[in-house]
Structure formats: structure tokens, C-alpha cells
Amino acid sequence: MTNRVYALTKKEKFENDWALKDQIRRAAISVLSNIAEGFESRTSSLFVDFLGRSKASAGEVRSQLVIAWDQGYLAEDEFKEVRDLADKVSRQLYNLIQHLERSDESGHVRELPEEYITD
């Protein structure tokens, strides 16, 4: 999603609206950054909190996409593609939050077992 946001905001019309371009890029960056920051906190409760912030940033991206589309910066297919990506990210985060909140573990975030790590 972040890569698509960056690609679309490089288009001439969008690129000239520096405030919206900066805001949507920051929101897209926040999605990934909050996931990483929450995971590194090493506690499930903080991780869930940061995942909620990440989900909110995905909502912010969707909102700003509507503004960009209304201003004529995006074609309808571009708008729908990235909006759908942001919606998918939001749903995935919701499912992860639900999983962590139902989890009856130690309250600590764990690294993946070695068999799940690929080179």
C-alpha cells in the first residue's frame, strides 16, 4: 500500500499539492511504523495498542484518497485499487488485534519460530 501511495503521489497534479501529498505519505508510513514499534515493545498489550494506531492510519489513508480523487488527482481505477489495499490492511490489522486479544499467552510478543524464517 505504501509503495502505491508513493507512486501515485509522484503524479504531476498530486505532487503539486504538497500538503496532501505529505499527509497521505505520512499516514501510509505510519501504518508500517506502528506495527514495527508495537512489535518491538515486546508486550501484547502495547502491541495491540500500536496495531490500533496502525489501523487508524490506514483509515486516514482511505480518507485522504477520497480527497485526492475529489480533486482529480487520481483516476477512478487508481483510487479504487489503493482504497481497496488500505481497506485490506485495515481488515488484516483488525483480525490480528482480535487474535491477540483472545490469545491466552504470557502477554509477551514472540519472534517467529525458526522453521517459519526464510532466507
PDB file of N, CA and C in Angstrom:
ATOM      1  N   MET A   1       0.822  -1.184   0.000  1.00  0.00           N
ATOM      2  CA  MET A   1       0.000   0.000   0.000  1.00  0.00           C
ATOM      3  C   MET A   1       0.875   1.260   0.000  1.00  0.00           C
ATOM      4  N   THR A   2       1.891   1.256   0.837  1.00  0.00           N
ATOM      5  CA  THR A   2       2.766   2.424   0.923  1.00  0.00           C
ATOM      6  C   THR A   2       3.457   2.698  -0.408  1.00  0.00           C
ATOM      7  N   ASN A   3       3.912   1.636  -1.055  1.00  0.00           N
ATOM      8  CA  ASN A   3       4.556   1.815  -2.359  1.00  0.00           C
ATOM      9  C   ASN A   3       3.597   2.418  -3.381  1.00  0.00           C
ATOM     10  N   ARG A   4       2.348   1.967  -3.385  1.00  0.00           N
ATOM     11  CA  ARG A   4       1.360   2.520  -4.320  1.00  0.00           C
ATOM     12  C   ARG A   4       1.053   3.984  -3.994  1.00  0.00           C
ATOM     13  N   VAL A   5       0.961   4.309  -2.717  1.00  0.00           N
ATOM     14  CA  VAL A   5       0.728   5.709  -2.321  1.00  0.00           C
ATOM     15  C   VAL A   5       1.869   6.571  -2.839  1.00  0.00           C
ATOM     16  N   TYR A   6       3.100   6.129  -2.654  1.00  0.00           N
ATOM     17  CA  TYR A   6       4.245   6.905  -3.141  1.00  0.00           C
ATOM     18  C   TYR A   6       4.210   7.056  -4.657  1.00  0.00           C
ATOM     19  N   ALA A   7       3.890   5.976  -5.358  1.00  0.00           N
ATOM     20  CA  ALA A   7       3.839   6.045  -6.822  1.00  0.00           C
ATOM     21  C   ALA A   7       2.772   7.032  -7.285  1.00  0.00           C
ATOM     22  N   LEU A   8       1.603   6.969  -6.683  1.00  0.00           N
ATOM     23  CA  LEU A   8       0.515   7.856  -7.108  1.00  0.00           C
ATOM     24  C   LEU A   8       0.786   9.315  -6.750  1.00  0.00           C
ATOM     25  N   THR A   9       1.454   9.554  -5.653  1.00  0.00           N
ATOM     26  CA  THR A   9       1.716  10.943  -5.249  1.00  0.00           C
ATOM     27  C   THR A   9       2.859  11.571  -6.030  1.00  0.00           C
ATOM     28  N   LYS A  10       3.501  10.788  -6.889  1.00  0.00           N
ATOM     29  CA  LYS A  10       4.533  11.336  -7.781  1.00  0.00           C
ATOM     30  C   LYS A  10       3.928  11.892  -9.062  1.00  0.00           C
ATOM     31  N   LYS A  11       2.644  11.617  -9.286  1.00  0.00           N
ATOM     32  CA  LYS A  11       1.974  12.155 -10.474  1.00  0.00           C
ATOM     33  C   LYS A  11       1.914  13.675 -10.362  1.00  0.00           C
ATOM     34  N   GLU A  12       2.022  14.345 -11.505  1.00  0.00           N
ATOM     35  CA  GLU A  12       2.181  15.803 -11.528  1.00  0.00           C
ATOM     36  C   GLU A  12       1.134  16.564 -10.712  1.00  0.00           C
ATOM     37  N   LYS A  13      -0.136  16.297 -10.944  1.00  0.00           N
ATOM     38  CA  LYS A  13      -1.177  17.038 -10.220  1.00  0.00           C
ATOM     39  C   LYS A  13      -1.075  16.810  -8.714  1.00  0.00           C
ATOM     40  N   PHE A  14      -0.901  15.545  -8.340  1.00  0.00           N
ATOM     41  CA  PHE A  14      -0.839  15.196  -6.923  1.00  0.00           C
ATOM     42  C   PHE A  14       0.426  15.767  -6.294  1.00  0.00           C
ATOM     43  N   GLU A  15       1.519  15.673  -7.012  1.00  0.00           N
ATOM     44  CA  GLU A  15       2.806  16.121  -6.484  1.00  0.00           C
ATOM     45  C   GLU A  15       2.799  17.612  -6.156  1.00  0.00           C
ATOM     46  N   ASN A  16       2.009  18.384  -6.888  1.00  0.00           N
ATOM     47  CA  ASN A  16       1.961  19.831  -6.647  1.00  0.00           C
ATOM     48  C   ASN A  16       1.161  20.208  -5.408  1.00  0.00           C
ATOM     49  N   ASP A  17       0.350  19.310  -4.895  1.00  0.00           N
ATOM     50  CA  ASP A  17      -0.384  19.549  -3.649  1.00  0.00           C
ATOM     51  C   ASP A  17       0.460  18.995  -2.506  1.00  0.00           C
ATOM     52  N   TRP A  18       1.481  19.750  -2.125  1.00  0.00           N
ATOM     53  CA  TRP A  18       2.468  19.239  -1.175  1.00  0.00           C
ATOM     54  C   TRP A  18       1.859  18.886   0.174  1.00  0.00           C
ATOM     55  N   ALA A  19       0.837  19.589   0.618  1.00  0.00           N
ATOM     56  CA  ALA A  19       0.252  19.303   1.937  1.00  0.00           C
ATOM     57  C   ALA A  19      -0.435  17.935   1.937  1.00  0.00           C
ATOM     58  N   LEU A  20      -1.273  17.673   0.937  1.00  0.00           N
ATOM     59  CA  LEU A  20      -1.962  16.386   0.867  1.00  0.00           C
ATOM     60  C   LEU A  20      -0.968  15.267   0.593  1.00  0.00           C
ATOM     61  N   LYS A  21      -0.027  15.514  -0.307  1.00  0.00           N
ATOM     62  CA  LYS A  21       0.992  14.512  -0.624  1.00  0.00           C
ATOM     63  C   LYS A  21       1.763  14.122   0.633  1.00  0.00           C
ATOM     64  N   ASP A  22       2.182  15.096   1.399  1.00  0.00           N
ATOM     65  CA  ASP A  22       2.930  14.835   2.627  1.00  0.00           C
ATOM     66  C   ASP A  22       2.066  14.082   3.643  1.00  0.00           C
ATOM     67  N   GLN A  23       0.820  14.501   3.792  1.00  0.00           N
ATOM     68  CA  GLN A  23      -0.066  13.901   4.789  1.00  0.00           C
ATOM     69  C   GLN A  23      -0.387  12.441   4.472  1.00  0.00           C
ATOM     70  N   ILE A  24      -0.689  12.141   3.211  1.00  0.00           N
ATOM     71  CA  ILE A  24      -1.029  10.755   2.869  1.00  0.00           C
ATOM     72  C   ILE A  24       0.207   9.859   2.939  1.00  0.00           C
ATOM     73  N   ARG A  25       1.354  10.409   2.570  1.00  0.00           N
ATOM     74  CA  ARG A  25       2.586   9.623   2.700  1.00  0.00           C
ATOM     75  C   ARG A  25       2.888   9.342   4.164  1.00  0.00           C
ATOM     76  N   ARG A  26       2.722  10.341   5.024  1.00  0.00           N
ATOM     77  CA  ARG A  26       2.968  10.148   6.456  1.00  0.00           C
ATOM     78  C   ARG A  26       2.021   9.098   7.024  1.00  0.00           C
ATOM     79  N   ALA A  27       0.762   9.144   6.617  1.00  0.00           N
ATOM     80  CA  ALA A  27      -0.207   8.161   7.106  1.00  0.00           C
ATOM     81  C   ALA A  27       0.171   6.755   6.648  1.00  0.00           C
ATOM     82  N   ALA A  28       0.575   6.621   5.392  1.00  0.00           N
ATOM     83  CA  ALA A  28       0.974   5.309   4.867  1.00  0.00           C
ATOM     84  C   ALA A  28       2.209   4.789   5.605  1.00  0.00           C
ATOM     85  N   ILE A  29       3.156   5.671   5.862  1.00  0.00           N
ATOM     86  CA  ILE A  29       4.355   5.291   6.613  1.00  0.00           C
ATOM     87  C   ILE A  29       3.985   4.869   8.027  1.00  0.00           C
ATOM     88  N   SER A  30       3.030   5.561   8.625  1.00  0.00           N
ATOM     89  CA  SER A  30       2.622   5.262  10.000  1.00  0.00           C
ATOM     90  C   SER A  30       2.052   3.863  10.153  1.00  0.00           C
ATOM     91  N   VAL A  31       1.411   3.367   9.113  1.00  0.00           N
ATOM     92  CA  VAL A  31       0.854   2.016   9.189  1.00  0.00           C
ATOM     93  C   VAL A  31       1.973   1.034   9.521  1.00  0.00           C
ATOM     94  N   LEU A  32       3.002   1.024   8.712  1.00  0.00           N
ATOM     95  CA  LEU A  32       4.113   0.095   8.912  1.00  0.00           C
ATOM     96  C   LEU A  32       4.917   0.416  10.164  1.00  0.00           C
ATOM     97  N   SER A  33       5.152   1.681  10.399  1.00  0.00           N
ATOM     98  CA  SER A  33       5.967   2.093  11.548  1.00  0.00           C
ATOM     99  C   SER A  33       5.327   1.695  12.871  1.00  0.00           C
ATOM    100  N   ASN A  34       4.022   1.846  12.992  1.00  0.00           N
ATOM    101  CA  ASN A  34       3.345   1.484  14.241  1.00  0.00           C
ATOM    102  C   ASN A  34       3.332  -0.025  14.460  1.00  0.00           C
ATOM    103  N   ILE A  35       3.235  -0.797  13.386  1.00  0.00           N
ATOM    104  CA  ILE A  35       3.327  -2.250  13.535  1.00  0.00           C
ATOM    105  C   ILE A  35       4.700  -2.617  14.091  1.00  0.00           C
ATOM    106  N   ALA A  36       5.744  -2.061  13.497  1.00  0.00           N
ATOM    107  CA  ALA A  36       7.104  -2.362  13.950  1.00  0.00           C
ATOM    108  C   ALA A  36       7.334  -1.899  15.384  1.00  0.00           C
ATOM    109  N   GLU A  37       6.922  -0.688  15.691  1.00  0.00           N
ATOM    110  CA  GLU A  37       7.132  -0.155  17.029  1.00  0.00           C
ATOM    111  C   GLU A  37       6.380  -0.982  18.072  1.00  0.00           C
ATOM    112  N   GLY A  38       5.153  -1.374  17.755  1.00  0.00           N
ATOM    113  CA  GLY A  38       4.380  -2.189  18.685  1.00  0.00           C
ATOM    114  C   GLY A  38       4.987  -3.561  18.897  1.00  0.00           C
ATOM    115  N   PHE A  39       5.449  -4.180  17.823  1.00  0.00           N
ATOM    116  CA  PHE A  39       6.069  -5.497  17.950  1.00  0.00           C
ATOM    117  C   PHE A  39       7.312  -5.421  18.804  1.00  0.00           C
ATOM    118  N   GLU A  40       8.102  -4.408  18.585  1.00  0.00           N
ATOM    119  CA  GLU A  40       9.350  -4.258  19.340  1.00  0.00           C
ATOM    120  C   GLU A  40       9.111  -3.911  20.806  1.00  0.00           C
ATOM    121  N   SER A  41       7.892  -3.508  21.158  1.00  0.00           N
ATOM    122  CA  SER A  41       7.590  -3.204  22.558  1.00  0.00           C
ATOM    123  C   SER A  41       7.635  -4.460  23.410  1.00  0.00           C
ATOM    124  N   ARG A  42       7.446  -5.610  22.763  1.00  0.00           N
ATOM    125  CA  ARG A  42       7.563  -6.928  23.369  1.00  0.00           C
ATOM    126  C   ARG A  42       6.453  -7.299  24.342  1.00  0.00           C
ATOM    127  N   THR A  43       5.403  -6.484  24.454  1.00  0.00           N
ATOM    128  CA  THR A  43       4.257  -6.884  25.264  1.00  0.00           C
ATOM    129  C   THR A  43       3.017  -6.866  24.384  1.00  0.00           C
ATOM    130  N   SER A  44       2.141  -7.823  24.611  1.00  0.00           N
ATOM    131  CA  SER A  44       0.945  -7.928  23.786  1.00  0.00           C
ATOM    132  C   SER A  44       0.052  -6.706  23.905  1.00  0.00           C
ATOM    133  N   SER A  45      -0.092  -6.169  25.107  1.00  0.00           N
ATOM    134  CA  SER A  45      -0.989  -5.020  25.276  1.00  0.00           C
ATOM    135  C   SER A  45      -0.481  -3.795  24.518  1.00  0.00           C
ATOM    136  N   LEU A  46       0.817  -3.546  24.552  1.00  0.00           N
ATOM    137  CA  LEU A  46       1.361  -2.416  23.777  1.00  0.00           C
ATOM    138  C   LEU A  46       1.285  -2.697  22.282  1.00  0.00           C
ATOM    139  N   PHE A  47       1.537  -3.937  21.909  1.00  0.00           N
ATOM    140  CA  PHE A  47       1.449  -4.298  20.504  1.00  0.00           C
ATOM    141  C   PHE A  47       0.035  -4.035  19.981  1.00  0.00           C
ATOM    142  N   VAL A  48      -0.975  -4.450  20.734  1.00  0.00           N
ATOM    143  CA  VAL A  48      -2.369  -4.225  20.340  1.00  0.00           C
ATOM    144  C   VAL A  48      -2.654  -2.729  20.231  1.00  0.00           C
ATOM    145  N   ASP A  49      -2.134  -1.958  21.165  1.00  0.00           N
ATOM    146  CA  ASP A  49      -2.327  -0.505  21.114  1.00  0.00           C
ATOM    147  C   ASP A  49      -1.731   0.087  19.836  1.00  0.00           C
ATOM    148  N   PHE A  50      -0.523  -0.306  19.507  1.00  0.00           N
ATOM    149  CA  PHE A  50       0.121   0.203  18.294  1.00  0.00           C
ATOM    150  C   PHE A  50      -0.565  -0.310  17.028  1.00  0.00           C
ATOM    151  N   LEU A  51      -1.082  -1.534  17.077  1.00  0.00           N
ATOM    152  CA  LEU A  51      -1.842  -2.039  15.928  1.00  0.00           C
ATOM    153  C   LEU A  51      -3.099  -1.208  15.710  1.00  0.00           C
ATOM    154  N   GLY A  52      -3.714  -0.761  16.800  1.00  0.00           N
ATOM    155  CA  GLY A  52      -4.876   0.125  16.686  1.00  0.00           C
ATOM    156  C   GLY A  52      -4.501   1.445  16.037  1.00  0.00           C
ATOM    157  N   ARG A  53      -3.346   1.974  16.404  1.00  0.00           N
ATOM    158  CA  ARG A  53      -2.866   3.214  15.776  1.00  0.00           C
ATOM    159  C   ARG A  53      -2.598   2.992  14.295  1.00  0.00           C
ATOM    160  N   SER A  54      -2.027   1.834  13.982  1.00  0.00           N
ATOM    161  CA  SER A  54      -1.743   1.496  12.592  1.00  0.00           C
ATOM    162  C   SER A  54      -3.033   1.406  11.788  1.00  0.00           C
ATOM    163  N   LYS A  55      -4.047   0.774  12.369  1.00  0.00           N
ATOM    164  CA  LYS A  55      -5.356   0.652  11.714  1.00  0.00           C
ATOM    165  C   LYS A  55      -5.960   2.043  11.486  1.00  0.00           C
ATOM    166  N   ALA A  56      -5.808   2.924  12.459  1.00  0.00           N
ATOM    167  CA  ALA A  56      -6.306   4.299  12.307  1.00  0.00           C
ATOM    168  C   ALA A  56      -5.593   5.009  11.164  1.00  0.00           C
ATOM    169  N   SER A  57      -4.309   4.773  11.016  1.00  0.00           N
ATOM    170  CA  SER A  57      -3.556   5.390   9.913  1.00  0.00           C
ATOM    171  C   SER A  57      -4.026   4.864   8.566  1.00  0.00           C
ATOM    172  N   ALA A  58      -4.389   3.584   8.499  1.00  0.00           N
ATOM    173  CA  ALA A  58      -4.943   3.043   7.253  1.00  0.00           C
ATOM    174  C   ALA A  58      -6.260   3.743   6.919  1.00  0.00           C
ATOM    175  N   GLY A  59      -7.050   4.039   7.939  1.00  0.00           N
ATOM    176  CA  GLY A  59      -8.284   4.803   7.731  1.00  0.00           C
ATOM    177  C   GLY A  59      -7.992   6.207   7.250  1.00  0.00           C
ATOM    178  N   GLU A  60      -6.935   6.788   7.765  1.00  0.00           N
ATOM    179  CA  GLU A  60      -6.526   8.123   7.329  1.00  0.00           C
ATOM    180  C   GLU A  60      -6.125   8.102   5.853  1.00  0.00           C
ATOM    181  N   VAL A  61      -5.414   7.066   5.445  1.00  0.00           N
ATOM    182  CA  VAL A  61      -5.041   6.932   4.028  1.00  0.00           C
ATOM    183  C   VAL A  61      -6.304   6.878   3.170  1.00  0.00           C
ATOM    184  N   ARG A  62      -7.290   6.076   3.580  1.00  0.00           N
ATOM    185  CA  ARG A  62      -8.535   5.987   2.799  1.00  0.00           C
ATOM    186  C   ARG A  62      -9.211   7.353   2.694  1.00  0.00           C
ATOM    187  N   SER A  63      -9.253   8.073   3.787  1.00  0.00           N
ATOM    188  CA  SER A  63      -9.872   9.399   3.792  1.00  0.00           C
ATOM    189  C   SER A  63      -9.154  10.351   2.843  1.00  0.00           C
ATOM    190  N   GLN A  64      -7.857  10.329   2.872  1.00  0.00           N
ATOM    191  CA  GLN A  64      -7.083  11.228   2.018  1.00  0.00           C
ATOM    192  C   GLN A  64      -7.157  10.826   0.549  1.00  0.00           C
ATOM    193  N   LEU A  65      -7.352   9.540   0.294  1.00  0.00           N
ATOM    194  CA  LEU A  65      -7.567   9.094  -1.085  1.00  0.00           C
ATOM    195  C   LEU A  65      -8.855   9.677  -1.645  1.00  0.00           C
ATOM    196  N   VAL A  66      -9.884   9.765  -0.816  1.00  0.00           N
ATOM    197  CA  VAL A  66     -11.146  10.374  -1.256  1.00  0.00           C
ATOM    198  C   VAL A  66     -10.904  11.835  -1.632  1.00  0.00           C
ATOM    199  N   ILE A  67     -10.145  12.538  -0.813  1.00  0.00           N
ATOM    200  CA  ILE A  67      -9.833  13.944  -1.108  1.00  0.00           C
ATOM    201  C   ILE A  67      -9.073  14.040  -2.429  1.00  0.00           C
ATOM    202  N   ALA A  68      -8.080  13.175  -2.607  1.00  0.00           N
ATOM    203  CA  ALA A  68      -7.286  13.194  -3.847  1.00  0.00           C
ATOM    204  C   ALA A  68      -8.152  12.901  -5.061  1.00  0.00           C
ATOM    205  N   TRP A  69      -9.057  11.954  -4.928  1.00  0.00           N
ATOM    206  CA  TRP A  69      -9.956  11.623  -6.035  1.00  0.00           C
ATOM    207  C   TRP A  69     -10.891  12.795  -6.322  1.00  0.00           C
ATOM    208  N   ASP A  70     -11.441  13.400  -5.271  1.00  0.00           N
ATOM    209  CA  ASP A  70     -12.321  14.561  -5.445  1.00  0.00           C
ATOM    210  C   ASP A  70     -11.611  15.718  -6.142  1.00  0.00           C
ATOM    211  N   GLN A  71     -10.314  15.843  -5.919  1.00  0.00           N
ATOM    212  CA  GLN A  71      -9.543  16.924  -6.535  1.00  0.00           C
ATOM    213  C   GLN A  71      -9.084  16.579  -7.956  1.00  0.00           C
ATOM    214  N   GLY A  72      -9.363  15.368  -8.395  1.00  0.00           N
ATOM    215  CA  GLY A  72      -8.987  14.970  -9.745  1.00  0.00           C
ATOM    216  C   GLY A  72      -7.545  14.517  -9.871  1.00  0.00           C
ATOM    217  N   TYR A  73      -6.926  14.174  -8.749  1.00  0.00           N
ATOM    218  CA  TYR A  73      -5.532  13.734  -8.782  1.00  0.00           C
ATOM    219  C   TYR A  73      -5.393  12.267  -9.166  1.00  0.00           C
ATOM    220  N   LEU A  74      -6.477  11.502  -9.032  1.00  0.00           N
ATOM    221  CA  LEU A  74      -6.437  10.068  -9.293  1.00  0.00           C
ATOM    222  C   LEU A  74      -7.549   9.677 -10.254  1.00  0.00           C
ATOM    223  N   ALA A  75      -7.247   8.715 -11.096  1.00  0.00           N
ATOM    224  CA  ALA A  75      -8.288   8.102 -11.915  1.00  0.00           C
ATOM    225  C   ALA A  75      -9.096   7.175 -11.017  1.00  0.00           C
ATOM    226  N   GLU A  76     -10.308   6.868 -11.424  1.00  0.00           N
ATOM    227  CA  GLU A  76     -11.171   6.031 -10.589  1.00  0.00           C
ATOM    228  C   GLU A  76     -10.549   4.672 -10.285  1.00  0.00           C
ATOM    229  N   ASP A  77      -9.909   4.052 -11.279  1.00  0.00           N
ATOM    230  CA  ASP A  77      -9.299   2.743 -11.052  1.00  0.00           C
ATOM    231  C   ASP A  77      -8.126   2.830 -10.076  1.00  0.00           C
ATOM    232  N   GLU A  78      -7.354   3.905 -10.136  1.00  0.00           N
ATOM    233  CA  GLU A  78      -6.261   4.099  -9.183  1.00  0.00           C
ATOM    234  C   GLU A  78      -6.810   4.278  -7.765  1.00  0.00           C
ATOM    235  N   PHE A  79      -7.828   5.118  -7.664  1.00  0.00           N
ATOM    236  CA  PHE A  79      -8.464   5.357  -6.375  1.00  0.00           C
ATOM    237  C   PHE A  79      -8.967   4.055  -5.769  1.00  0.00           C
ATOM    238  N   LYS A  80      -9.717   3.282  -6.555  1.00  0.00           N
ATOM    239  CA  LYS A  80     -10.303   2.037  -6.051  1.00  0.00           C
ATOM    240  C   LYS A  80      -9.229   1.031  -5.659  1.00  0.00           C
ATOM    241  N   GLU A  81      -8.160   0.951  -6.452  1.00  0.00           N
ATOM    242  CA  GLU A  81      -7.086  -0.005  -6.170  1.00  0.00           C
ATOM    243  C   GLU A  81      -6.446   0.280  -4.812  1.00  0.00           C
ATOM    244  N   VAL A  82      -6.062   1.521  -4.592  1.00  0.00           N
ATOM    245  CA  VAL A  82      -5.356   1.844  -3.348  1.00  0.00           C
ATOM    246  C   VAL A  82      -6.320   1.875  -2.164  1.00  0.00           C
ATOM    247  N   ARG A  83      -7.542   2.324  -2.400  1.00  0.00           N
ATOM    248  CA  ARG A  83      -8.547   2.284  -1.328  1.00  0.00           C
ATOM    249  C   ARG A  83      -8.776   0.847  -0.889  1.00  0.00           C
ATOM    250  N   ASP A  84      -8.868  -0.065  -1.857  1.00  0.00           N
ATOM    251  CA  ASP A  84      -9.058  -1.475  -1.529  1.00  0.00           C
ATOM    252  C   ASP A  84      -7.856  -2.046  -0.776  1.00  0.00           C
ATOM    253  N   LEU A  85      -6.657  -1.629  -1.161  1.00  0.00           N
ATOM    254  CA  LEU A  85      -5.458  -2.057  -0.431  1.00  0.00           C
ATOM    255  C   LEU A  85      -5.499  -1.562   1.013  1.00  0.00           C
ATOM    256  N   ALA A  86      -5.843  -0.303   1.201  1.00  0.00           N
ATOM    257  CA  ALA A  86      -5.921   0.264   2.549  1.00  0.00           C
ATOM    258  C   ALA A  86      -7.002  -0.429   3.370  1.00  0.00           C
ATOM    259  N   ASP A  87      -8.105  -0.765   2.724  1.00  0.00           N
ATOM    260  CA  ASP A  87      -9.176  -1.484   3.411  1.00  0.00           C
ATOM    261  C   ASP A  87      -8.712  -2.888   3.808  1.00  0.00           C
ATOM    262  N   LYS A  88      -7.987  -3.543   2.920  1.00  0.00           N
ATOM    263  CA  LYS A  88      -7.466  -4.885   3.216  1.00  0.00           C
ATOM    264  C   LYS A  88      -6.493  -4.826   4.394  1.00  0.00           C
ATOM    265  N   VAL A  89      -5.619  -3.843   4.399  1.00  0.00           N
ATOM    266  CA  VAL A  89      -4.676  -3.670   5.507  1.00  0.00           C
ATOM    267  C   VAL A  89      -5.445  -3.480   6.814  1.00  0.00           C
ATOM    268  N   SER A  90      -6.469  -2.650   6.775  1.00  0.00           N
ATOM    269  CA  SER A  90      -7.270  -2.378   7.962  1.00  0.00           C
ATOM    270  C   SER A  90      -7.936  -3.654   8.486  1.00  0.00           C
ATOM    271  N   ARG A  91      -8.490  -4.452   7.582  1.00  0.00           N
ATOM    272  CA  ARG A  91      -9.133  -5.706   7.985  1.00  0.00           C
ATOM    273  C   ARG A  91      -8.123  -6.697   8.553  1.00  0.00           C
ATOM    274  N   GLN A  92      -6.936  -6.763   7.947  1.00  0.00           N
ATOM    275  CA  GLN A  92      -5.900  -7.664   8.450  1.00  0.00           C
ATOM    276  C   GLN A  92      -5.454  -7.237   9.855  1.00  0.00           C
ATOM    277  N   LEU A  93      -5.317  -5.947  10.051  1.00  0.00           N
ATOM    278  CA  LEU A  93      -4.939  -5.454  11.379  1.00  0.00           C
ATOM    279  C   LEU A  93      -6.027  -5.762  12.402  1.00  0.00           C
ATOM    280  N   TYR A  94      -7.282  -5.576  12.011  1.00  0.00           N
ATOM    281  CA  TYR A  94      -8.392  -5.894  12.912  1.00  0.00           C
ATOM    282  C   TYR A  94      -8.337  -7.361  13.325  1.00  0.00           C
ATOM    283  N   ASN A  95      -8.125  -8.249  12.358  1.00  0.00           N
ATOM    284  CA  ASN A  95      -8.058  -9.678  12.658  1.00  0.00           C
ATOM    285  C   ASN A  95      -6.886 -10.010  13.576  1.00  0.00           C
ATOM    286  N   LEU A  96      -5.747  -9.377  13.362  1.00  0.00           N
ATOM    287  CA  LEU A  96      -4.595  -9.602  14.228  1.00  0.00           C
ATOM    288  C   LEU A  96      -4.876  -9.093  15.641  1.00  0.00           C
ATOM    289  N   ILE A  97      -5.489  -7.924  15.743  1.00  0.00           N
ATOM    290  CA  ILE A  97      -5.855  -7.390  17.061  1.00  0.00           C
ATOM    291  C   ILE A  97      -6.790  -8.358  17.774  1.00  0.00           C
ATOM    292  N   GLN A  98      -7.812  -8.841  17.063  1.00  0.00           N
ATOM    293  CA  GLN A  98      -8.753  -9.786  17.659  1.00  0.00           C
ATOM    294  C   GLN A  98      -8.043 -11.053  18.126  1.00  0.00           C
ATOM    295  N   HIS A  99      -7.136 -11.554  17.322  1.00  0.00           N
ATOM    296  CA  HIS A  99      -6.384 -12.751  17.682  1.00  0.00           C
ATOM    297  C   HIS A  99      -5.569 -12.505  18.955  1.00  0.00           C
ATOM    298  N   LEU A 100      -4.864 -11.404  19.006  1.00  0.00           N
ATOM    299  CA  LEU A 100      -4.026 -11.111  20.174  1.00  0.00           C
ATOM    300  C   LEU A 100      -4.861 -10.887  21.427  1.00  0.00           C
ATOM    301  N   GLU A 101      -6.016 -10.263  21.277  1.00  0.00           N
ATOM    302  CA  GLU A 101      -6.867 -10.021  22.438  1.00  0.00           C
ATOM    303  C   GLU A 101      -7.494 -11.318  22.960  1.00  0.00           C
ATOM    304  N   ARG A 102      -7.715 -12.296  22.100  1.00  0.00           N
ATOM    305  CA  ARG A 102      -8.273 -13.588  22.523  1.00  0.00           C
ATOM    306  C   ARG A 102      -7.193 -14.532  23.035  1.00  0.00           C
ATOM    307  N   SER A 103      -5.957 -14.241  22.654  1.00  0.00           N
ATOM    308  CA  SER A 103      -4.847 -15.122  22.993  1.00  0.00           C
ATOM    309  C   SER A 103      -4.668 -15.203  24.506  1.00  0.00           C
ATOM    310  N   ASP A 104      -4.393 -16.386  24.968  1.00  0.00           N
ATOM    311  CA  ASP A 104      -4.228 -16.604  26.408  1.00  0.00           C
ATOM    312  C   ASP A 104      -2.762 -16.905  26.715  1.00  0.00           C
ATOM    313  N   GLU A 105      -1.885 -16.126  26.122  1.00  0.00           N
ATOM    314  CA  GLU A 105      -0.462 -16.393  26.305  1.00  0.00           C
ATOM    315  C   GLU A 105       0.115 -15.535  27.413  1.00  0.00           C
ATOM    316  N   SER A 106       1.400 -15.502  27.500  1.00  0.00           N
ATOM    317  CA  SER A 106       2.115 -14.846  28.594  1.00  0.00           C
ATOM    318  C   SER A 106       2.013 -13.327  28.583  1.00  0.00           C
ATOM    319  N   GLY A 107       1.497 -12.761  27.525  1.00  0.00           N
ATOM    320  CA  GLY A 107       1.448 -11.305  27.438  1.00  0.00           C
ATOM    321  C   GLY A 107       2.664 -10.710  26.752  1.00  0.00           C
ATOM    322  N   HIS A 108       3.540 -11.583  26.254  1.00  0.00           N
ATOM    323  CA  HIS A 108       4.739 -11.112  25.565  1.00  0.00           C
ATOM    324  C   HIS A 108       4.671 -11.469  24.090  1.00  0.00           C
ATOM    325  N   VAL A 109       5.160 -10.593  23.280  1.00  0.00           N
ATOM    326  CA  VAL A 109       5.241 -10.843  21.842  1.00  0.00           C
ATOM    327  C   VAL A 109       6.486 -11.683  21.602  1.00  0.00           C
ATOM    328  N   ARG A 110       6.334 -12.695  20.745  1.00  0.00           N
ATOM    329  CA  ARG A 110       7.456 -13.581  20.481  1.00  0.00           C
ATOM    330  C   ARG A 110       7.902 -13.469  19.036  1.00  0.00           C
ATOM    331  N   GLU A 111       9.164 -13.754  18.820  1.00  0.00           N
ATOM    332  CA  GLU A 111       9.671 -13.889  17.467  1.00  0.00           C
ATOM    333  C   GLU A 111       9.081 -15.160  16.878  1.00  0.00           C
ATOM    334  N   LEU A 112       9.068 -15.256  15.554  1.00  0.00           N
ATOM    335  CA  LEU A 112       8.598 -16.467  14.906  1.00  0.00           C
ATOM    336  C   LEU A 112       9.556 -17.625  15.188  1.00  0.00           C
ATOM    337  N   PRO A 113       8.996 -18.832  15.324  1.00  0.00           N
ATOM    338  CA  PRO A 113       9.882 -19.998  15.464  1.00  0.00           C
ATOM    339  C   PRO A 113      10.777 -20.110  14.229  1.00  0.00           C
ATOM    340  N   GLU A 114      11.936 -20.691  14.414  1.00  0.00           N
ATOM    341  CA  GLU A 114      12.923 -20.753  13.339  1.00  0.00           C
ATOM    342  C   GLU A 114      12.397 -21.413  12.073  1.00  0.00           C
ATOM    343  N   GLU A 115      11.490 -22.385  12.197  1.00  0.00           N
ATOM    344  CA  GLU A 115      11.004 -23.079  10.996  1.00  0.00           C
ATOM    345  C   GLU A 115      10.178 -22.151  10.100  1.00  0.00           C
ATOM    346  N   TYR A 116       9.741 -20.995  10.605  1.00  0.00           N
ATOM    347  CA  TYR A 116       8.989 -20.038   9.791  1.00  0.00           C
ATOM    348  C   TYR A 116       9.863 -18.965   9.156  1.00  0.00           C
ATOM    349  N   ILE A 117      11.103 -18.958   9.506  1.00  0.00           N
ATOM    350  CA  ILE A 117      12.019 -17.933   8.995  1.00  0.00           C
ATOM    351  C   ILE A 117      12.617 -18.430   7.680  1.00  0.00           C
ATOM    352  N   THR A 118      12.546 -17.591   6.659  1.00  0.00           N
ATOM    353  CA  THR A 118      13.099 -17.944   5.354  1.00  0.00           C
ATOM    354  C   THR A 118      14.277 -17.052   5.040  1.00  0.00           C
ATOM    355  N   ASP A 119      15.147 -17.565   4.249  1.00  0.00           N
ATOM    356  CA  ASP A 119      16.313 -16.778   3.829  1.00  0.00           C
ATOM    357  C   ASP A 119      16.066 -16.116   2.510  1.00  0.00           C
TER     358      ASP A 119
END
